[in-house]
Amino acid sequence: KLPLTVEEILNFGESNRELFIKSSTYSIIPITVTEMGLTISWIFSSDPKSISFSVVYQESEDTPLDQCKVLIPMTRCNSHKETIRGQVKVRNAGIYTLIFDNTFSRFISKRVFYHLAVERPVVYDGSDFP
């Protein structure tokens, strides 16, 4: 578990990060967001075999897990065969948690190579209008 802020993700650069997820366990990447309108996007692949993935929204760290909102339900991804891409729009401030789940695998640990990005919306203010 490593809580990230939007600024830390903006400083990610182009490099990929790596998670090692043991068999029968899962790993989470919580992202704390304070401004609305952002888009959080991800790209990941796994080795060897597939991994399950989900995104959950939590208003604050005090919010009980049963009151968290599932934005992307747990889905088994063939990320060992193709790169998985996705994004979520930030509608509310809070904690957006990416979950990489390997609990279905009893013997095989996985490596997940991922890259995160945050985009701010382009706001047109008309300043270049003659």
N, C-alpha and C. Protein backbone atom coordinates (compact mmCIF):
# COMPACT_ATOMS: atom_id res chain seq x y z
N LYS A 1 0.85 -1.19 0.00
CA LYS A 1 0.00 0.00 0.00
C LYS A 1 0.89 1.23 0.00
N LEU A 2 0.69 2.08 -0.99
CA LEU A 2 1.47 3.31 -1.04
C LEU A 2 0.55 4.44 -1.49
N PRO A 3 0.11 5.30 -0.56
CA PRO A 3 -0.78 6.38 -0.97
C PRO A 3 -0.04 7.38 -1.85
N LEU A 4 -0.62 7.69 -2.99
CA LEU A 4 -0.02 8.64 -3.91
C LEU A 4 -0.89 9.89 -3.98
N THR A 5 -0.26 11.01 -4.26
CA THR A 5 -1.01 12.23 -4.51
C THR A 5 -0.96 12.51 -6.01
N VAL A 6 -1.81 13.42 -6.45
CA VAL A 6 -1.83 13.80 -7.87
C VAL A 6 -0.45 14.32 -8.28
N GLU A 7 0.17 15.12 -7.42
CA GLU A 7 1.50 15.68 -7.75
C GLU A 7 2.52 14.57 -7.95
N GLU A 8 2.49 13.55 -7.10
CA GLU A 8 3.44 12.44 -7.25
C GLU A 8 3.23 11.71 -8.57
N ILE A 9 1.98 11.55 -8.97
CA ILE A 9 1.71 10.89 -10.25
C ILE A 9 2.17 11.77 -11.41
N LEU A 10 1.95 13.08 -11.29
CA LEU A 10 2.40 13.99 -12.35
C LEU A 10 3.92 13.93 -12.50
N ASN A 11 4.62 13.59 -11.43
CA ASN A 11 6.09 13.48 -11.47
C ASN A 11 6.57 12.08 -11.84
N PHE A 12 5.64 11.18 -12.16
CA PHE A 12 5.98 9.80 -12.52
C PHE A 12 6.93 9.73 -13.71
N GLY A 13 6.76 10.67 -14.64
CA GLY A 13 7.53 10.59 -15.87
C GLY A 13 6.95 9.48 -16.74
N GLU A 14 7.73 9.01 -17.68
CA GLU A 14 7.26 7.99 -18.61
C GLU A 14 7.59 6.58 -18.15
N SER A 15 8.32 6.46 -17.06
CA SER A 15 8.76 5.13 -16.65
C SER A 15 7.62 4.31 -16.06
N ASN A 16 7.75 2.99 -16.18
CA ASN A 16 6.78 2.07 -15.58
C ASN A 16 7.21 1.73 -14.17
N ARG A 17 6.23 1.46 -13.33
CA ARG A 17 6.50 0.97 -11.98
C ARG A 17 6.18 -0.52 -11.97
N GLU A 18 6.66 -1.20 -10.95
CA GLU A 18 6.44 -2.64 -10.88
C GLU A 18 5.90 -3.01 -9.51
N LEU A 19 4.89 -3.88 -9.50
CA LEU A 19 4.36 -4.44 -8.26
C LEU A 19 4.62 -5.93 -8.28
N PHE A 20 4.98 -6.49 -7.14
CA PHE A 20 5.11 -7.94 -7.03
C PHE A 20 3.96 -8.40 -6.14
N ILE A 21 3.09 -9.24 -6.67
CA ILE A 21 1.90 -9.66 -5.94
C ILE A 21 1.97 -11.17 -5.73
N LYS A 22 2.14 -11.56 -4.49
CA LYS A 22 2.25 -12.99 -4.18
C LYS A 22 0.93 -13.70 -4.47
N SER A 23 1.01 -15.02 -4.63
CA SER A 23 -0.20 -15.82 -4.84
C SER A 23 -1.12 -15.64 -3.63
N SER A 24 -2.43 -15.67 -3.90
CA SER A 24 -3.48 -15.57 -2.87
C SER A 24 -3.49 -14.22 -2.14
N THR A 25 -2.88 -13.18 -2.72
CA THR A 25 -2.91 -11.85 -2.09
C THR A 25 -3.33 -10.81 -3.13
N TYR A 26 -3.41 -9.57 -2.69
CA TYR A 26 -3.70 -8.47 -3.60
C TYR A 26 -2.87 -7.27 -3.21
N SER A 27 -2.80 -6.31 -4.10
CA SER A 27 -2.04 -5.09 -3.85
C SER A 27 -2.91 -3.91 -4.24
N ILE A 28 -2.81 -2.83 -3.47
CA ILE A 28 -3.63 -1.65 -3.78
C ILE A 28 -2.75 -0.42 -3.96
N ILE A 29 -3.26 0.49 -4.82
CA ILE A 29 -2.60 1.78 -5.02
C ILE A 29 -3.65 2.86 -4.76
N PRO A 30 -3.68 3.41 -3.53
CA PRO A 30 -4.63 4.49 -3.26
C PRO A 30 -4.09 5.82 -3.77
N ILE A 31 -4.95 6.58 -4.43
CA ILE A 31 -4.56 7.89 -4.97
C ILE A 31 -5.46 8.94 -4.31
N THR A 32 -4.86 9.83 -3.55
CA THR A 32 -5.61 10.88 -2.86
C THR A 32 -5.78 12.07 -3.81
N VAL A 33 -7.04 12.46 -4.05
CA VAL A 33 -7.35 13.53 -5.00
C VAL A 33 -8.12 14.63 -4.28
N THR A 34 -7.67 15.87 -4.45
CA THR A 34 -8.36 16.99 -3.80
C THR A 34 -9.10 17.88 -4.79
N GLU A 35 -8.75 17.80 -6.08
CA GLU A 35 -9.44 18.65 -7.06
C GLU A 35 -10.28 17.81 -8.01
N MET A 36 -11.47 18.34 -8.33
CA MET A 36 -12.38 17.61 -9.20
C MET A 36 -12.08 17.92 -10.66
N GLY A 37 -12.60 17.06 -11.56
CA GLY A 37 -12.44 17.28 -12.99
C GLY A 37 -11.21 16.63 -13.59
N LEU A 38 -10.34 16.09 -12.76
CA LEU A 38 -9.15 15.41 -13.27
C LEU A 38 -9.53 14.07 -13.89
N THR A 39 -8.65 13.54 -14.71
CA THR A 39 -8.81 12.18 -15.23
C THR A 39 -7.59 11.39 -14.80
N ILE A 40 -7.83 10.28 -14.09
CA ILE A 40 -6.75 9.37 -13.70
C ILE A 40 -6.75 8.24 -14.72
N SER A 41 -5.61 8.00 -15.35
CA SER A 41 -5.55 6.92 -16.33
C SER A 41 -4.41 5.97 -15.98
N TRP A 42 -4.55 4.74 -16.45
CA TRP A 42 -3.57 3.71 -16.16
C TRP A 42 -3.36 2.81 -17.36
N ILE A 43 -2.19 2.21 -17.38
CA ILE A 43 -1.83 1.19 -18.36
C ILE A 43 -1.12 0.12 -17.55
N PHE A 44 -1.47 -1.15 -17.75
CA PHE A 44 -0.73 -2.19 -17.03
C PHE A 44 -0.69 -3.49 -17.81
N SER A 45 0.31 -4.29 -17.46
CA SER A 45 0.42 -5.66 -17.98
C SER A 45 0.92 -6.53 -16.83
N SER A 46 0.71 -7.83 -16.94
CA SER A 46 1.11 -8.74 -15.87
C SER A 46 1.93 -9.90 -16.43
N ASP A 47 2.73 -10.49 -15.55
CA ASP A 47 3.57 -11.60 -15.97
C ASP A 47 3.79 -12.52 -14.76
N PRO A 48 3.64 -13.80 -14.82
CA PRO A 48 2.98 -14.53 -15.91
C PRO A 48 1.47 -14.57 -15.64
N LYS A 49 0.71 -14.85 -16.62
CA LYS A 49 -0.75 -15.05 -16.52
C LYS A 49 -1.51 -13.78 -16.15
N SER A 50 -2.83 -13.99 -15.92
CA SER A 50 -3.75 -12.86 -15.75
C SER A 50 -3.77 -12.33 -14.32
N ILE A 51 -4.39 -11.15 -14.16
CA ILE A 51 -4.58 -10.52 -12.85
C ILE A 51 -5.99 -9.93 -12.85
N SER A 52 -6.59 -9.84 -11.68
CA SER A 52 -7.90 -9.17 -11.58
C SER A 52 -7.67 -7.72 -11.18
N PHE A 53 -8.57 -6.85 -11.65
CA PHE A 53 -8.38 -5.40 -11.45
C PHE A 53 -9.71 -4.76 -11.10
N SER A 54 -9.64 -3.76 -10.22
CA SER A 54 -10.84 -3.03 -9.81
C SER A 54 -10.44 -1.62 -9.40
N VAL A 55 -11.41 -0.69 -9.44
CA VAL A 55 -11.19 0.66 -8.93
C VAL A 55 -12.33 0.99 -7.98
N VAL A 56 -11.95 1.49 -6.80
CA VAL A 56 -12.92 1.80 -5.75
C VAL A 56 -12.72 3.24 -5.30
N TYR A 57 -13.84 3.93 -5.00
CA TYR A 57 -13.79 5.32 -4.51
C TYR A 57 -14.20 5.36 -3.04
N GLN A 58 -13.45 6.12 -2.27
CA GLN A 58 -13.69 6.26 -0.84
C GLN A 58 -13.64 7.76 -0.53
N GLU A 59 -14.67 8.28 0.15
CA GLU A 59 -14.69 9.72 0.47
C GLU A 59 -13.50 10.15 1.30
N SER A 60 -13.19 9.36 2.35
CA SER A 60 -12.04 9.65 3.20
C SER A 60 -11.53 8.34 3.78
N GLU A 61 -10.39 8.42 4.48
CA GLU A 61 -9.83 7.20 5.07
C GLU A 61 -10.75 6.63 6.14
N ASP A 62 -11.62 7.48 6.70
CA ASP A 62 -12.54 7.03 7.76
C ASP A 62 -13.78 6.33 7.21
N THR A 63 -14.02 6.45 5.90
CA THR A 63 -15.21 5.83 5.31
C THR A 63 -15.11 4.31 5.43
N PRO A 64 -16.13 3.65 6.02
CA PRO A 64 -16.09 2.19 6.11
C PRO A 64 -16.08 1.55 4.72
N LEU A 65 -15.40 0.41 4.61
CA LEU A 65 -15.25 -0.25 3.30
C LEU A 65 -16.60 -0.57 2.66
N ASP A 66 -17.62 -0.90 3.47
CA ASP A 66 -18.92 -1.24 2.87
C ASP A 66 -19.64 -0.01 2.32
N GLN A 67 -19.11 1.19 2.59
CA GLN A 67 -19.70 2.41 2.04
C GLN A 67 -18.88 2.97 0.88
N CYS A 68 -17.86 2.26 0.48
CA CYS A 68 -17.07 2.69 -0.67
C CYS A 68 -17.84 2.40 -1.95
N LYS A 69 -17.58 3.20 -2.96
CA LYS A 69 -18.27 3.04 -4.24
C LYS A 69 -17.36 2.32 -5.22
N VAL A 70 -17.86 1.22 -5.81
CA VAL A 70 -17.08 0.48 -6.80
C VAL A 70 -17.26 1.17 -8.15
N LEU A 71 -16.18 1.74 -8.68
CA LEU A 71 -16.25 2.44 -9.97
C LEU A 71 -16.04 1.47 -11.12
N ILE A 72 -15.13 0.52 -10.92
CA ILE A 72 -14.90 -0.54 -11.92
C ILE A 72 -14.91 -1.85 -11.15
N PRO A 73 -15.91 -2.70 -11.40
CA PRO A 73 -16.00 -3.97 -10.65
C PRO A 73 -14.79 -4.86 -10.93
N MET A 74 -14.50 -5.74 -9.98
CA MET A 74 -13.36 -6.66 -10.12
C MET A 74 -13.51 -7.45 -11.41
N THR A 75 -12.51 -7.34 -12.28
CA THR A 75 -12.53 -7.98 -13.59
C THR A 75 -11.23 -8.72 -13.81
N ARG A 76 -11.32 -9.96 -14.26
CA ARG A 76 -10.12 -10.72 -14.59
C ARG A 76 -9.60 -10.23 -15.94
N CYS A 77 -8.35 -9.80 -15.99
CA CYS A 77 -7.78 -9.22 -17.21
C CYS A 77 -6.70 -10.14 -17.77
N ASN A 78 -6.75 -10.36 -19.08
CA ASN A 78 -5.70 -11.13 -19.76
C ASN A 78 -4.51 -10.21 -20.04
N SER A 79 -4.04 -9.57 -18.98
CA SER A 79 -2.99 -8.56 -19.13
C SER A 79 -1.62 -9.17 -19.42
N HIS A 80 -1.53 -10.49 -19.40
CA HIS A 80 -0.29 -11.15 -19.81
C HIS A 80 -0.24 -11.27 -21.33
N LYS A 81 -1.41 -11.11 -22.00
CA LYS A 81 -1.48 -11.21 -23.46
C LYS A 81 -1.60 -9.84 -24.12
N GLU A 82 -2.23 -8.88 -23.42
CA GLU A 82 -2.40 -7.54 -24.00
C GLU A 82 -2.29 -6.50 -22.89
N THR A 83 -1.90 -5.29 -23.28
CA THR A 83 -1.80 -4.20 -22.33
C THR A 83 -3.20 -3.67 -22.03
N ILE A 84 -3.51 -3.49 -20.75
CA ILE A 84 -4.81 -3.00 -20.33
C ILE A 84 -4.71 -1.49 -20.09
N ARG A 85 -5.66 -0.76 -20.68
CA ARG A 85 -5.70 0.69 -20.50
C ARG A 85 -7.06 1.08 -19.96
N GLY A 86 -7.08 2.11 -19.14
CA GLY A 86 -8.36 2.58 -18.63
C GLY A 86 -8.20 3.93 -17.98
N GLN A 87 -9.35 4.52 -17.63
CA GLN A 87 -9.30 5.81 -16.96
C GLN A 87 -10.59 6.01 -16.18
N VAL A 88 -10.51 6.91 -15.22
CA VAL A 88 -11.67 7.27 -14.43
C VAL A 88 -11.65 8.79 -14.24
N LYS A 89 -12.82 9.40 -14.34
CA LYS A 89 -12.93 10.85 -14.16
C LYS A 89 -13.20 11.13 -12.69
N VAL A 90 -12.50 12.10 -12.15
CA VAL A 90 -12.66 12.46 -10.74
C VAL A 90 -13.86 13.39 -10.61
N ARG A 91 -14.94 12.89 -10.01
CA ARG A 91 -16.14 13.70 -9.80
C ARG A 91 -16.18 14.28 -8.39
N ASN A 92 -15.51 13.61 -7.46
CA ASN A 92 -15.48 14.06 -6.07
C ASN A 92 -14.07 13.90 -5.52
N ALA A 93 -13.71 14.80 -4.60
CA ALA A 93 -12.43 14.64 -3.90
C ALA A 93 -12.51 13.40 -3.04
N GLY A 94 -11.38 12.76 -2.82
CA GLY A 94 -11.37 11.55 -2.00
C GLY A 94 -10.21 10.65 -2.40
N ILE A 95 -10.39 9.36 -2.12
CA ILE A 95 -9.33 8.39 -2.39
C ILE A 95 -9.82 7.42 -3.46
N TYR A 96 -9.12 7.39 -4.57
CA TYR A 96 -9.42 6.47 -5.67
C TYR A 96 -8.39 5.35 -5.57
N THR A 97 -8.84 4.12 -5.36
CA THR A 97 -7.93 3.00 -5.12
C THR A 97 -7.96 2.01 -6.27
N LEU A 98 -6.79 1.77 -6.85
CA LEU A 98 -6.63 0.74 -7.87
C LEU A 98 -6.28 -0.55 -7.13
N ILE A 99 -6.99 -1.63 -7.45
CA ILE A 99 -6.76 -2.91 -6.79
C ILE A 99 -6.31 -3.94 -7.82
N PHE A 100 -5.13 -4.51 -7.58
CA PHE A 100 -4.63 -5.62 -8.40
C PHE A 100 -4.76 -6.88 -7.54
N ASP A 101 -5.63 -7.79 -7.95
CA ASP A 101 -6.02 -8.92 -7.12
C ASP A 101 -5.51 -10.23 -7.69
N ASN A 102 -4.73 -10.94 -6.89
CA ASN A 102 -4.19 -12.23 -7.29
C ASN A 102 -4.67 -13.33 -6.34
N THR A 103 -5.79 -13.07 -5.63
CA THR A 103 -6.26 -14.03 -4.63
C THR A 103 -6.76 -15.33 -5.26
N PHE A 104 -7.12 -15.30 -6.55
CA PHE A 104 -7.60 -16.51 -7.22
C PHE A 104 -6.46 -17.48 -7.53
N SER A 105 -5.24 -16.99 -7.51
CA SER A 105 -4.08 -17.81 -7.88
C SER A 105 -3.46 -18.41 -6.61
N ARG A 106 -3.53 -19.72 -6.47
CA ARG A 106 -3.07 -20.35 -5.24
C ARG A 106 -1.56 -20.54 -5.19
N PHE A 107 -0.91 -20.60 -6.35
CA PHE A 107 0.51 -20.92 -6.36
C PHE A 107 1.39 -19.90 -7.09
N ILE A 108 0.82 -19.16 -8.03
CA ILE A 108 1.64 -18.34 -8.91
C ILE A 108 1.61 -16.87 -8.49
N SER A 109 2.79 -16.34 -8.16
CA SER A 109 2.93 -14.91 -7.89
C SER A 109 3.00 -14.18 -9.23
N LYS A 110 2.61 -12.91 -9.23
CA LYS A 110 2.58 -12.14 -10.48
C LYS A 110 3.38 -10.86 -10.31
N ARG A 111 3.88 -10.40 -11.44
CA ARG A 111 4.47 -9.06 -11.49
C ARG A 111 3.56 -8.22 -12.36
N VAL A 112 3.25 -7.03 -11.87
CA VAL A 112 2.41 -6.10 -12.64
C VAL A 112 3.27 -4.89 -12.95
N PHE A 113 3.35 -4.57 -14.23
CA PHE A 113 4.07 -3.39 -14.68
C PHE A 113 3.01 -2.35 -15.01
N TYR A 114 3.07 -1.19 -14.36
CA TYR A 114 2.00 -0.21 -14.55
C TYR A 114 2.55 1.20 -14.72
N HIS A 115 1.73 2.02 -15.33
CA HIS A 115 2.04 3.44 -15.48
C HIS A 115 0.77 4.22 -15.20
N LEU A 116 0.88 5.26 -14.39
CA LEU A 116 -0.26 6.10 -14.06
C LEU A 116 -0.06 7.49 -14.64
N ALA A 117 -1.17 8.15 -14.96
CA ALA A 117 -1.12 9.52 -15.44
C ALA A 117 -2.34 10.26 -14.93
N VAL A 118 -2.19 11.57 -14.76
CA VAL A 118 -3.31 12.42 -14.36
C VAL A 118 -3.37 13.57 -15.36
N GLU A 119 -4.58 13.82 -15.86
CA GLU A 119 -4.76 14.92 -16.80
C GLU A 119 -5.72 15.92 -16.20
N ARG A 120 -5.34 17.18 -16.29
CA ARG A 120 -6.24 18.24 -15.86
C ARG A 120 -7.08 18.64 -17.07
N PRO A 121 -8.34 19.01 -16.85
CA PRO A 121 -9.16 19.42 -18.00
C PRO A 121 -8.64 20.72 -18.59
N VAL A 122 -8.77 20.84 -19.90
CA VAL A 122 -8.38 22.08 -20.57
C VAL A 122 -9.55 23.04 -20.45
N VAL A 123 -9.29 24.16 -19.80
CA VAL A 123 -10.36 25.14 -19.61
C VAL A 123 -10.09 26.29 -20.57
N TYR A 124 -11.05 26.55 -21.45
CA TYR A 124 -10.91 27.62 -22.42
C TYR A 124 -11.40 28.92 -21.79
N ASP A 125 -10.49 29.88 -21.66
CA ASP A 125 -10.89 31.14 -21.02
C ASP A 125 -11.09 32.27 -22.01
N GLY A 126 -10.92 31.97 -23.31
CA GLY A 126 -11.16 33.00 -24.33
C GLY A 126 -10.06 34.05 -24.43
N SER A 127 -8.94 33.83 -23.75
CA SER A 127 -7.89 34.87 -23.69
C SER A 127 -7.19 35.09 -25.04
N ASP A 128 -7.29 34.12 -25.95
CA ASP A 128 -6.64 34.32 -27.24
C ASP A 128 -7.61 34.87 -28.29
N PHE A 129 -8.80 35.24 -27.86
CA PHE A 129 -9.78 35.80 -28.78
C PHE A 129 -9.42 37.25 -29.07
N PRO A 130 -9.40 37.67 -30.37
CA PRO A 130 -8.95 39.04 -30.70
C PRO A 130 -9.90 40.11 -30.17
